Amino acid sequence: MDPAEDFAARAEAYRRELRVHCYRLTGSFDEAEDLVQETLLHAWRGRDRLQDEAGLRAWLYRIATNACLDFLRRVAATAAFLASDDAAAITATWINATAGMFPS
């Protein structure tokens, strides 16, 4: 088995526990699965930077945790924006600008 295949197999072995970790942080099974995919892709792309092969699990957990925290920040920022007056103003502007563009 070549090194790339070996890395993929070893990383894949942690998929289930990474999904549980991401689910616990986000509360969403679908988002957890997406974040695990993002984690494994990030790890694959950075596999040359992994210095301690014995530290693969910890490295994957760090990547997954950061991906989840970034996701939660984006969700919070989106929720804050949608609750703001800016969102209402933008929506009203868009509705007025597109009035008559779509037949009833």
PDB file of N, CA and C in Angstrom:
ATOM      1  N   MET A   1       0.859  -1.175   0.000  1.00  0.00           N
ATOM      2  CA  MET A   1       0.000   0.000   0.000  1.00  0.00           C
ATOM      3  C   MET A   1       0.904   1.237   0.000  1.00  0.00           C
ATOM      4  N   ASP A   2       0.592   2.167  -0.878  1.00  0.00           N
ATOM      5  CA  ASP A   2       1.424   3.376  -0.930  1.00  0.00           C
ATOM      6  C   ASP A   2       1.060   4.311   0.232  1.00  0.00           C
ATOM      7  N   PRO A   3       1.905   5.281   0.541  1.00  0.00           N
ATOM      8  CA  PRO A   3       1.678   6.158   1.701  1.00  0.00           C
ATOM      9  C   PRO A   3       0.346   6.914   1.657  1.00  0.00           C
ATOM     10  N   ALA A   4      -0.085   7.340   0.466  1.00  0.00           N
ATOM     11  CA  ALA A   4      -1.352   8.068   0.361  1.00  0.00           C
ATOM     12  C   ALA A   4      -2.528   7.160   0.721  1.00  0.00           C
ATOM     13  N   GLU A   5      -2.517   5.939   0.216  1.00  0.00           N
ATOM     14  CA  GLU A   5      -3.586   4.989   0.543  1.00  0.00           C
ATOM     15  C   GLU A   5      -3.568   4.638   2.023  1.00  0.00           C
ATOM     16  N   ASP A   6      -2.371   4.494   2.569  1.00  0.00           N
ATOM     17  CA  ASP A   6      -2.229   4.187   3.989  1.00  0.00           C
ATOM     18  C   ASP A   6      -2.799   5.317   4.837  1.00  0.00           C
ATOM     19  N   PHE A   7      -2.480   6.559   4.484  1.00  0.00           N
ATOM     20  CA  PHE A   7      -3.012   7.706   5.220  1.00  0.00           C
ATOM     21  C   PHE A   7      -4.538   7.724   5.130  1.00  0.00           C
ATOM     22  N   ALA A   8      -5.064   7.531   3.933  1.00  0.00           N
ATOM     23  CA  ALA A   8      -6.521   7.558   3.741  1.00  0.00           C
ATOM     24  C   ALA A   8      -7.202   6.489   4.594  1.00  0.00           C
ATOM     25  N   ALA A   9      -6.643   5.308   4.631  1.00  0.00           N
ATOM     26  CA  ALA A   9      -7.238   4.222   5.418  1.00  0.00           C
ATOM     27  C   ALA A   9      -7.174   4.526   6.913  1.00  0.00           C
ATOM     28  N   ARG A  10      -6.049   5.050   7.377  1.00  0.00           N
ATOM     29  CA  ARG A  10      -5.925   5.366   8.805  1.00  0.00           C
ATOM     30  C   ARG A  10      -6.847   6.514   9.195  1.00  0.00           C
ATOM     31  N   ALA A  11      -6.955   7.530   8.359  1.00  0.00           N
ATOM     32  CA  ALA A  11      -7.843   8.661   8.665  1.00  0.00           C
ATOM     33  C   ALA A  11      -9.301   8.229   8.627  1.00  0.00           C
ATOM     34  N   GLU A  12      -9.644   7.411   7.667  1.00  0.00           N
ATOM     35  CA  GLU A  12     -11.028   6.940   7.518  1.00  0.00           C
ATOM     36  C   GLU A  12     -11.481   6.147   8.750  1.00  0.00           C
ATOM     37  N   ALA A  13     -10.550   5.499   9.411  1.00  0.00           N
ATOM     38  CA  ALA A  13     -10.888   4.719  10.604  1.00  0.00           C
ATOM     39  C   ALA A  13     -11.471   5.588  11.720  1.00  0.00           C
ATOM     40  N   TYR A  14     -11.233   6.884  11.666  1.00  0.00           N
ATOM     41  CA  TYR A  14     -11.731   7.804  12.698  1.00  0.00           C
ATOM     42  C   TYR A  14     -13.025   8.510  12.298  1.00  0.00           C
ATOM     43  N   ARG A  15     -13.560   8.202  11.123  1.00  0.00           N
ATOM     44  CA  ARG A  15     -14.744   8.905  10.629  1.00  0.00           C
ATOM     45  C   ARG A  15     -15.903   8.877  11.633  1.00  0.00           C
ATOM     46  N   ARG A  16     -16.227   7.713  12.155  1.00  0.00           N
ATOM     47  CA  ARG A  16     -17.384   7.593  13.042  1.00  0.00           C
ATOM     48  C   ARG A  16     -17.219   8.435  14.307  1.00  0.00           C
ATOM     49  N   GLU A  17     -16.062   8.338  14.949  1.00  0.00           N
ATOM     50  CA  GLU A  17     -15.894   9.101  16.188  1.00  0.00           C
ATOM     51  C   GLU A  17     -15.779  10.601  15.920  1.00  0.00           C
ATOM     52  N   LEU A  18     -15.257  10.975  14.756  1.00  0.00           N
ATOM     53  CA  LEU A  18     -15.235  12.395  14.393  1.00  0.00           C
ATOM     54  C   LEU A  18     -16.652  12.906  14.165  1.00  0.00           C
ATOM     55  N   ARG A  19     -17.504  12.067  13.564  1.00  0.00           N
ATOM     56  CA  ARG A  19     -18.903  12.461  13.342  1.00  0.00           C
ATOM     57  C   ARG A  19     -19.608  12.684  14.673  1.00  0.00           C
ATOM     58  N   VAL A  20     -19.368  11.807  15.629  1.00  0.00           N
ATOM     59  CA  VAL A  20     -19.971  11.971  16.961  1.00  0.00           C
ATOM     60  C   VAL A  20     -19.459  13.265  17.607  1.00  0.00           C
ATOM     61  N   HIS A  21     -18.175  13.509  17.500  1.00  0.00           N
ATOM     62  CA  HIS A  21     -17.580  14.731  18.054  1.00  0.00           C
ATOM     63  C   HIS A  21     -18.228  15.972  17.434  1.00  0.00           C
ATOM     64  N   CYS A  22     -18.329  15.988  16.112  1.00  0.00           N
ATOM     65  CA  CYS A  22     -18.925  17.141  15.426  1.00  0.00           C
ATOM     66  C   CYS A  22     -20.408  17.274  15.750  1.00  0.00           C
ATOM     67  N   TYR A  23     -21.102  16.151  15.880  1.00  0.00           N
ATOM     68  CA  TYR A  23     -22.520  16.196  16.244  1.00  0.00           C
ATOM     69  C   TYR A  23     -22.686  16.820  17.633  1.00  0.00           C
ATOM     70  N   ARG A  24     -21.830  16.442  18.556  1.00  0.00           N
ATOM     71  CA  ARG A  24     -21.922  16.996  19.916  1.00  0.00           C
ATOM     72  C   ARG A  24     -21.676  18.505  19.924  1.00  0.00           C
ATOM     73  N   LEU A  25     -20.815  18.961  19.034  1.00  0.00           N
ATOM     74  CA  LEU A  25     -20.531  20.400  18.989  1.00  0.00           C
ATOM     75  C   LEU A  25     -21.607  21.189  18.251  1.00  0.00           C
ATOM     76  N   THR A  26     -22.202  20.599  17.215  1.00  0.00           N
ATOM     77  CA  THR A  26     -23.152  21.351  16.390  1.00  0.00           C
ATOM     78  C   THR A  26     -24.610  21.020  16.663  1.00  0.00           C
ATOM     79  N   GLY A  27     -24.881  19.808  17.131  1.00  0.00           N
ATOM     80  CA  GLY A  27     -26.256  19.390  17.364  1.00  0.00           C
ATOM     81  C   GLY A  27     -27.001  19.011  16.099  1.00  0.00           C
ATOM     82  N   SER A  28     -26.285  18.851  15.002  1.00  0.00           N
ATOM     83  CA  SER A  28     -26.919  18.523  13.722  1.00  0.00           C
ATOM     84  C   SER A  28     -26.160  17.372  13.060  1.00  0.00           C
ATOM     85  N   PHE A  29     -26.880  16.291  12.793  1.00  0.00           N
ATOM     86  CA  PHE A  29     -26.244  15.145  12.150  1.00  0.00           C
ATOM     87  C   PHE A  29     -25.757  15.508  10.756  1.00  0.00           C
ATOM     88  N   ASP A  30     -26.580  16.220   9.995  1.00  0.00           N
ATOM     89  CA  ASP A  30     -26.195  16.589   8.630  1.00  0.00           C
ATOM     90  C   ASP A  30     -24.976  17.502   8.614  1.00  0.00           C
ATOM     91  N   GLU A  31     -24.964  18.492   9.480  1.00  0.00           N
ATOM     92  CA  GLU A  31     -23.808  19.387   9.550  1.00  0.00           C
ATOM     93  C   GLU A  31     -22.571  18.632  10.025  1.00  0.00           C
ATOM     94  N   ALA A  32     -22.765  17.718  10.962  1.00  0.00           N
ATOM     95  CA  ALA A  32     -21.637  16.923  11.454  1.00  0.00           C
ATOM     96  C   ALA A  32     -21.010  16.121  10.322  1.00  0.00           C
ATOM     97  N   GLU A  33     -21.826  15.513   9.493  1.00  0.00           N
ATOM     98  CA  GLU A  33     -21.299  14.734   8.365  1.00  0.00           C
ATOM     99  C   GLU A  33     -20.541  15.638   7.396  1.00  0.00           C
ATOM    100  N   ASP A  34     -21.089  16.805   7.104  1.00  0.00           N
ATOM    101  CA  ASP A  34     -20.396  17.755   6.225  1.00  0.00           C
ATOM    102  C   ASP A  34     -19.062  18.197   6.831  1.00  0.00           C
ATOM    103  N   LEU A  35     -19.053  18.438   8.120  1.00  0.00           N
ATOM    104  CA  LEU A  35     -17.837  18.888   8.785  1.00  0.00           C
ATOM    105  C   LEU A  35     -16.778  17.788   8.851  1.00  0.00           C
ATOM    106  N   VAL A  36     -17.208  16.548   8.971  1.00  0.00           N
ATOM    107  CA  VAL A  36     -16.258  15.432   8.929  1.00  0.00           C
ATOM    108  C   VAL A  36     -15.642  15.341   7.536  1.00  0.00           C
ATOM    109  N   GLN A  37     -16.458  15.511   6.508  1.00  0.00           N
ATOM    110  CA  GLN A  37     -15.924  15.520   5.141  1.00  0.00           C
ATOM    111  C   GLN A  37     -14.891  16.642   4.986  1.00  0.00           C
ATOM    112  N   GLU A  38     -15.227  17.810   5.489  1.00  0.00           N
ATOM    113  CA  GLU A  38     -14.317  18.956   5.423  1.00  0.00           C
ATOM    114  C   GLU A  38     -13.021  18.645   6.185  1.00  0.00           C
ATOM    115  N   THR A  39     -13.160  18.008   7.344  1.00  0.00           N
ATOM    116  CA  THR A  39     -12.004  17.635   8.160  1.00  0.00           C
ATOM    117  C   THR A  39     -11.085  16.677   7.414  1.00  0.00           C
ATOM    118  N   LEU A  40     -11.666  15.633   6.846  1.00  0.00           N
ATOM    119  CA  LEU A  40     -10.857  14.636   6.149  1.00  0.00           C
ATOM    120  C   LEU A  40     -10.199  15.223   4.902  1.00  0.00           C
ATOM    121  N   LEU A  41     -10.895  16.107   4.222  1.00  0.00           N
ATOM    122  CA  LEU A  41     -10.302  16.765   3.059  1.00  0.00           C
ATOM    123  C   LEU A  41      -9.134  17.661   3.479  1.00  0.00           C
ATOM    124  N   HIS A  42      -9.335  18.416   4.540  1.00  0.00           N
ATOM    125  CA  HIS A  42      -8.270  19.279   5.057  1.00  0.00           C
ATOM    126  C   HIS A  42      -7.065  18.437   5.477  1.00  0.00           C
ATOM    127  N   ALA A  43      -7.328  17.329   6.152  1.00  0.00           N
ATOM    128  CA  ALA A  43      -6.239  16.449   6.591  1.00  0.00           C
ATOM    129  C   ALA A  43      -5.522  15.842   5.390  1.00  0.00           C
ATOM    130  N   TRP A  44      -6.287  15.428   4.390  1.00  0.00           N
ATOM    131  CA  TRP A  44      -5.683  14.841   3.187  1.00  0.00           C
ATOM    132  C   TRP A  44      -4.746  15.845   2.509  1.00  0.00           C
ATOM    133  N   ARG A  45      -5.237  17.060   2.377  1.00  0.00           N
ATOM    134  CA  ARG A  45      -4.425  18.089   1.718  1.00  0.00           C
ATOM    135  C   ARG A  45      -3.187  18.450   2.532  1.00  0.00           C
ATOM    136  N   GLY A  46      -3.270  18.324   3.847  1.00  0.00           N
ATOM    137  CA  GLY A  46      -2.145  18.687   4.696  1.00  0.00           C
ATOM    138  C   GLY A  46      -1.383  17.503   5.255  1.00  0.00           C
ATOM    139  N   ARG A  47      -1.607  16.330   4.689  1.00  0.00           N
ATOM    140  CA  ARG A  47      -0.990  15.119   5.247  1.00  0.00           C
ATOM    141  C   ARG A  47       0.535  15.177   5.282  1.00  0.00           C
ATOM    142  N   ASP A  48       1.141  15.951   4.433  1.00  0.00           N
ATOM    143  CA  ASP A  48       2.600  16.083   4.444  1.00  0.00           C
ATOM    144  C   ASP A  48       3.095  16.870   5.659  1.00  0.00           C
ATOM    145  N   ARG A  49       2.199  17.643   6.273  1.00  0.00           N
ATOM    146  CA  ARG A  49       2.586  18.446   7.441  1.00  0.00           C
ATOM    147  C   ARG A  49       2.470  17.672   8.751  1.00  0.00           C
ATOM    148  N   LEU A  50       1.839  16.490   8.700  1.00  0.00           N
ATOM    149  CA  LEU A  50       1.710  15.677   9.914  1.00  0.00           C
ATOM    150  C   LEU A  50       3.092  15.156  10.283  1.00  0.00           C
ATOM    151  N   GLN A  51       3.603  15.602  11.406  1.00  0.00           N
ATOM    152  CA  GLN A  51       4.965  15.255  11.789  1.00  0.00           C
ATOM    153  C   GLN A  51       5.028  13.979  12.614  1.00  0.00           C
ATOM    154  N   ASP A  52       4.036  13.744  13.423  1.00  0.00           N
ATOM    155  CA  ASP A  52       4.028  12.585  14.312  1.00  0.00           C
ATOM    156  C   ASP A  52       2.892  11.663  13.901  1.00  0.00           C
ATOM    157  N   GLU A  53       3.228  10.574  13.245  1.00  0.00           N
ATOM    158  CA  GLU A  53       2.196   9.646  12.775  1.00  0.00           C
ATOM    159  C   GLU A  53       1.333   9.124  13.924  1.00  0.00           C
ATOM    160  N   ALA A  54       1.915   9.026  15.103  1.00  0.00           N
ATOM    161  CA  ALA A  54       1.161   8.558  16.267  1.00  0.00           C
ATOM    162  C   ALA A  54       0.131   9.596  16.709  1.00  0.00           C
ATOM    163  N   GLY A  55       0.303  10.832  16.279  1.00  0.00           N
ATOM    164  CA  GLY A  55      -0.609  11.902  16.670  1.00  0.00           C
ATOM    165  C   GLY A  55      -1.732  12.146  15.676  1.00  0.00           C
ATOM    166  N   LEU A  56      -1.989  11.214  14.782  1.00  0.00           N
ATOM    167  CA  LEU A  56      -3.023  11.400  13.755  1.00  0.00           C
ATOM    168  C   LEU A  56      -4.385  11.688  14.365  1.00  0.00           C
ATOM    169  N   ARG A  57      -4.776  10.915  15.367  1.00  0.00           N
ATOM    170  CA  ARG A  57      -6.099  11.086  15.972  1.00  0.00           C
ATOM    171  C   ARG A  57      -6.245  12.496  16.560  1.00  0.00           C
ATOM    172  N   ALA A  58      -5.252  12.932  17.325  1.00  0.00           N
ATOM    173  CA  ALA A  58      -5.309  14.267  17.934  1.00  0.00           C
ATOM    174  C   ALA A  58      -5.342  15.341  16.857  1.00  0.00           C
ATOM    175  N   TRP A  59      -4.563  15.152  15.805  1.00  0.00           N
ATOM    176  CA  TRP A  59      -4.523  16.114  14.700  1.00  0.00           C
ATOM    177  C   TRP A  59      -5.880  16.205  14.022  1.00  0.00           C
ATOM    178  N   LEU A  60      -6.518  15.059  13.777  1.00  0.00           N
ATOM    179  CA  LEU A  60      -7.847  15.056  13.156  1.00  0.00           C
ATOM    180  C   LEU A  60      -8.874  15.729  14.064  1.00  0.00           C
ATOM    181  N   TYR A  61      -8.797  15.467  15.355  1.00  0.00           N
ATOM    182  CA  TYR A  61      -9.723  16.102  16.294  1.00  0.00           C
ATOM    183  C   TYR A  61      -9.526  17.618  16.317  1.00  0.00           C
ATOM    184  N   ARG A  62      -8.286  18.073  16.229  1.00  0.00           N
ATOM    185  CA  ARG A  62      -8.033  19.513  16.210  1.00  0.00           C
ATOM    186  C   ARG A  62      -8.634  20.139  14.956  1.00  0.00           C
ATOM    187  N   ILE A  63      -8.448  19.487  13.824  1.00  0.00           N
ATOM    188  CA  ILE A  63      -9.017  19.995  12.571  1.00  0.00           C
ATOM    189  C   ILE A  63     -10.541  20.003  12.661  1.00  0.00           C
ATOM    190  N   ALA A  64     -11.123  18.923  13.168  1.00  0.00           N
ATOM    191  CA  ALA A  64     -12.582  18.825  13.285  1.00  0.00           C
ATOM    192  C   ALA A  64     -13.135  19.881  14.241  1.00  0.00           C
ATOM    193  N   THR A  65     -12.482  20.058  15.354  1.00  0.00           N
ATOM    194  CA  THR A  65     -12.933  21.059  16.328  1.00  0.00           C
ATOM    195  C   THR A  65     -12.901  22.455  15.720  1.00  0.00           C
ATOM    196  N   ASN A  66     -11.818  22.785  15.035  1.00  0.00           N
ATOM    197  CA  ASN A  66     -11.721  24.099  14.396  1.00  0.00           C
ATOM    198  C   ASN A  66     -12.781  24.267  13.313  1.00  0.00           C
ATOM    199  N   ALA A  67     -13.049  23.210  12.547  1.00  0.00           N
ATOM    200  CA  ALA A  67     -14.095  23.282  11.519  1.00  0.00           C
ATOM    201  C   ALA A  67     -15.459  23.532  12.164  1.00  0.00           C
ATOM    202  N   CYS A  68     -15.727  22.859  13.275  1.00  0.00           N
ATOM    203  CA  CYS A  68     -17.004  23.046  13.973  1.00  0.00           C
ATOM    204  C   CYS A  68     -17.120  24.455  14.559  1.00  0.00           C
ATOM    205  N   LEU A  69     -16.057  24.933  15.162  1.00  0.00           N
ATOM    206  CA  LEU A  69     -16.092  26.277  15.735  1.00  0.00           C
ATOM    207  C   LEU A  69     -16.276  27.340  14.654  1.00  0.00           C
ATOM    208  N   ASP A  70     -15.614  27.156  13.517  1.00  0.00           N
ATOM    209  CA  ASP A  70     -15.812  28.083  12.394  1.00  0.00           C
ATOM    210  C   ASP A  70     -17.261  28.049  11.921  1.00  0.00           C
ATOM    211  N   PHE A  71     -17.821  26.851  11.829  1.00  0.00           N
ATOM    212  CA  PHE A  71     -19.222  26.705  11.428  1.00  0.00           C
ATOM    213  C   PHE A  71     -20.146  27.422  12.412  1.00  0.00           C
ATOM    214  N   LEU A  72     -19.928  27.209  13.702  1.00  0.00           N
ATOM    215  CA  LEU A  72     -20.778  27.844  14.720  1.00  0.00           C
ATOM    216  C   LEU A  72     -20.656  29.361  14.681  1.00  0.00           C
ATOM    217  N   ARG A  73     -19.463  29.871  14.399  1.00  0.00           N
ATOM    218  CA  ARG A  73     -19.298  31.330  14.261  1.00  0.00           C
ATOM    219  C   ARG A  73     -20.091  31.843  13.061  1.00  0.00           C
ATOM    220  N   ARG A  74     -20.037  31.115  11.951  1.00  0.00           N
ATOM    221  CA  ARG A  74     -20.788  31.535  10.756  1.00  0.00           C
ATOM    222  C   ARG A  74     -22.287  31.528  11.029  1.00  0.00           C
ATOM    223  N   VAL A  75     -22.756  30.496  11.712  1.00  0.00           N
ATOM    224  CA  VAL A  75     -24.189  30.408  12.036  1.00  0.00           C
ATOM    225  C   VAL A  75     -24.597  31.563  12.940  1.00  0.00           C
ATOM    226  N   ALA A  76     -23.777  31.856  13.940  1.00  0.00           N
ATOM    227  CA  ALA A  76     -24.094  32.953  14.859  1.00  0.00           C
ATOM    228  C   ALA A  76     -24.095  34.287  14.129  1.00  0.00           C
ATOM    229  N   ALA A  77     -23.129  34.480  13.244  1.00  0.00           N
ATOM    230  CA  ALA A  77     -23.063  35.743  12.495  1.00  0.00           C
ATOM    231  C   ALA A  77     -24.266  35.881  11.575  1.00  0.00           C
ATOM    232  N   THR A  78     -24.658  34.785  10.933  1.00  0.00           N
ATOM    233  CA  THR A  78     -25.825  34.818  10.047  1.00  0.00           C
ATOM    234  C   THR A  78     -27.093  35.104  10.841  1.00  0.00           C
ATOM    235  N   ALA A  79     -27.236  34.446  11.991  1.00  0.00           N
ATOM    236  CA  ALA A  79     -28.418  34.666  12.824  1.00  0.00           C
ATOM    237  C   ALA A  79     -28.473  36.107  13.318  1.00  0.00           C
ATOM    238  N   ALA A  80     -27.331  36.644  13.708  1.00  0.00           N
ATOM    239  CA  ALA A  80     -27.295  38.027  14.181  1.00  0.00           C
ATOM    240  C   ALA A  80     -27.672  38.988  13.062  1.00  0.00           C
ATOM    241  N   PHE A  81     -27.175  38.720  11.866  1.00  0.00           N
ATOM    242  CA  PHE A  81     -27.503  39.588  10.738  1.00  0.00           C
ATOM    243  C   PHE A  81     -28.991  39.509  10.422  1.00  0.00           C
ATOM    244  N   LEU A  82     -29.527  38.284  10.384  1.00  0.00           N
ATOM    245  CA  LEU A  82     -30.940  38.125  10.042  1.00  0.00           C
ATOM    246  C   LEU A  82     -31.858  38.768  11.077  1.00  0.00           C
ATOM    247  N   ALA A  83     -31.388  38.864  12.305  1.00  0.00           N
ATOM    248  CA  ALA A  83     -32.187  39.502  13.353  1.00  0.00           C
ATOM    249  C   ALA A  83     -32.013  41.017  13.354  1.00  0.00           C
ATOM    250  N   SER A  84     -31.112  41.524  12.571  1.00  0.00           N
ATOM    251  CA  SER A  84     -30.829  42.962  12.587  1.00  0.00           C
ATOM    252  C   SER A  84     -31.776  43.734  11.669  1.00  0.00           C
ATOM    253  N   ASP A  85     -31.774  45.035  11.853  1.00  0.00           N
ATOM    254  CA  ASP A  85     -32.560  45.917  10.993  1.00  0.00           C
ATOM    255  C   ASP A  85     -31.985  45.945   9.582  1.00  0.00           C
ATOM    256  N   ASP A  86     -30.674  45.709   9.445  1.00  0.00           N
ATOM    257  CA  ASP A  86     -30.042  45.697   8.126  1.00  0.00           C
ATOM    258  C   ASP A  86     -30.674  44.635   7.230  1.00  0.00           C
ATOM    259  N   ALA A  87     -30.932  43.468   7.795  1.00  0.00           N
ATOM    260  CA  ALA A  87     -31.520  42.384   7.005  1.00  0.00           C
ATOM    261  C   ALA A  87     -32.911  42.780   6.520  1.00  0.00           C
ATOM    262  N   ALA A  88     -33.679  43.404   7.387  1.00  0.00           N
ATOM    263  CA  ALA A  88     -35.017  43.843   7.001  1.00  0.00           C
ATOM    264  C   ALA A  88     -34.940  44.900   5.899  1.00  0.00           C
ATOM    265  N   ALA A  89     -34.006  45.806   6.010  1.00  0.00           N
ATOM    266  CA  ALA A  89     -33.856  46.858   5.000  1.00  0.00           C
ATOM    267  C   ALA A  89     -33.412  46.273   3.657  1.00  0.00           C
ATOM    268  N   ILE A  90     -32.483  45.339   3.704  1.00  0.00           N
ATOM    269  CA  ILE A  90     -32.012  44.704   2.469  1.00  0.00           C
ATOM    270  C   ILE A  90     -33.132  43.915   1.818  1.00  0.00           C
ATOM    271  N   THR A  91     -33.902  43.204   2.619  1.00  0.00           N
ATOM    272  CA  THR A  91     -35.022  42.427   2.083  1.00  0.00           C
ATOM    273  C   THR A  91     -36.055  43.345   1.450  1.00  0.00           C
ATOM    274  N   ALA A  92     -36.390  44.423   2.118  1.00  0.00           N
ATOM    275  CA  ALA A  92     -37.365  45.371   1.578  1.00  0.00           C
ATOM    276  C   ALA A  92     -36.858  45.994   0.279  1.00  0.00           C
ATOM    277  N   THR A  93     -35.591  46.333   0.231  1.00  0.00           N
ATOM    278  CA  THR A  93     -34.997  46.898  -0.989  1.00  0.00           C
ATOM    279  C   THR A  93     -35.073  45.893  -2.127  1.00  0.00           C
ATOM    280  N   TRP A  94     -34.753  44.646  -1.839  1.00  0.00           N
ATOM    281  CA  TRP A  94     -34.784  43.607  -2.872  1.00  0.00           C
ATOM    282  C   TRP A  94     -36.216  43.394  -3.371  1.00  0.00           C
ATOM    283  N   ILE A  95     -37.162  43.359  -2.454  1.00  0.00           N
ATOM    284  CA  ILE A  95     -38.565  43.151  -2.841  1.00  0.00           C
ATOM    285  C   ILE A  95     -39.031  44.303  -3.731  1.00  0.00           C
ATOM    286  N   ASN A  96     -38.692  45.519  -3.347  1.00  0.00           N
ATOM    287  CA  ASN A  96     -39.090  46.678  -4.155  1.00  0.00           C
ATOM    288  C   ASN A  96     -38.399  46.677  -5.518  1.00  0.00           C
ATOM    289  N   ALA A  97     -37.140  46.309  -5.550  1.00  0.00           N
ATOM    290  CA  ALA A  97     -36.389  46.316  -6.813  1.00  0.00           C
ATOM    291  C   ALA A  97     -36.874  45.237  -7.775  1.00  0.00           C
ATOM    292  N   THR A  98     -37.378  44.147  -7.248  1.00  0.00           N
ATOM    293  CA  THR A  98     -37.796  43.035  -8.110  1.00  0.00           C
ATOM    294  C   THR A  98     -39.300  43.009  -8.340  1.00  0.00           C
ATOM    295  N   ALA A  99     -40.014  43.972  -7.778  1.00  0.00           N
ATOM    296  CA  ALA A  99     -41.469  44.018  -7.963  1.00  0.00           C
ATOM    297  C   ALA A  99     -41.792  44.073  -9.453  1.00  0.00           C
ATOM    298  N   GLY A 100     -42.683  43.230  -9.872  1.00  0.00           N
ATOM    299  CA  GLY A 100     -43.101  43.207 -11.268  1.00  0.00           C
ATOM    300  C   GLY A 100     -42.219  42.341 -12.153  1.00  0.00           C
ATOM    301  N   MET A 101     -41.112  41.849 -11.645  1.00  0.00           N
ATOM    302  CA  MET A 101     -40.229  41.011 -12.473  1.00  0.00           C
ATOM    303  C   MET A 101     -40.757  39.594 -12.618  1.00  0.00           C
ATOM    304  N   PHE A 102     -41.535  39.178 -11.657  1.00  0.00           N
ATOM    305  CA  PHE A 102     -42.023  37.797 -11.659  1.00  0.00           C
ATOM    306  C   PHE A 102     -43.543  37.814 -11.773  1.00  0.00           C
ATOM    307  N   PRO A 103     -44.063  37.161 -12.792  1.00  0.00           N
ATOM    308  CA  PRO A 103     -45.530  37.154 -12.943  1.00  0.00           C
ATOM    309  C   PRO A 103     -46.199  36.392 -11.816  1.00  0.00           C
ATOM    310  N   SER A 104     -47.374  36.832 -11.463  1.00  0.00           N
ATOM    311  CA  SER A 104     -48.114  36.183 -10.392  1.00  0.00           C
ATOM    312  C   SER A 104     -48.730  34.903 -10.827  1.00  0.00           C
TER     313      SER A 104
END
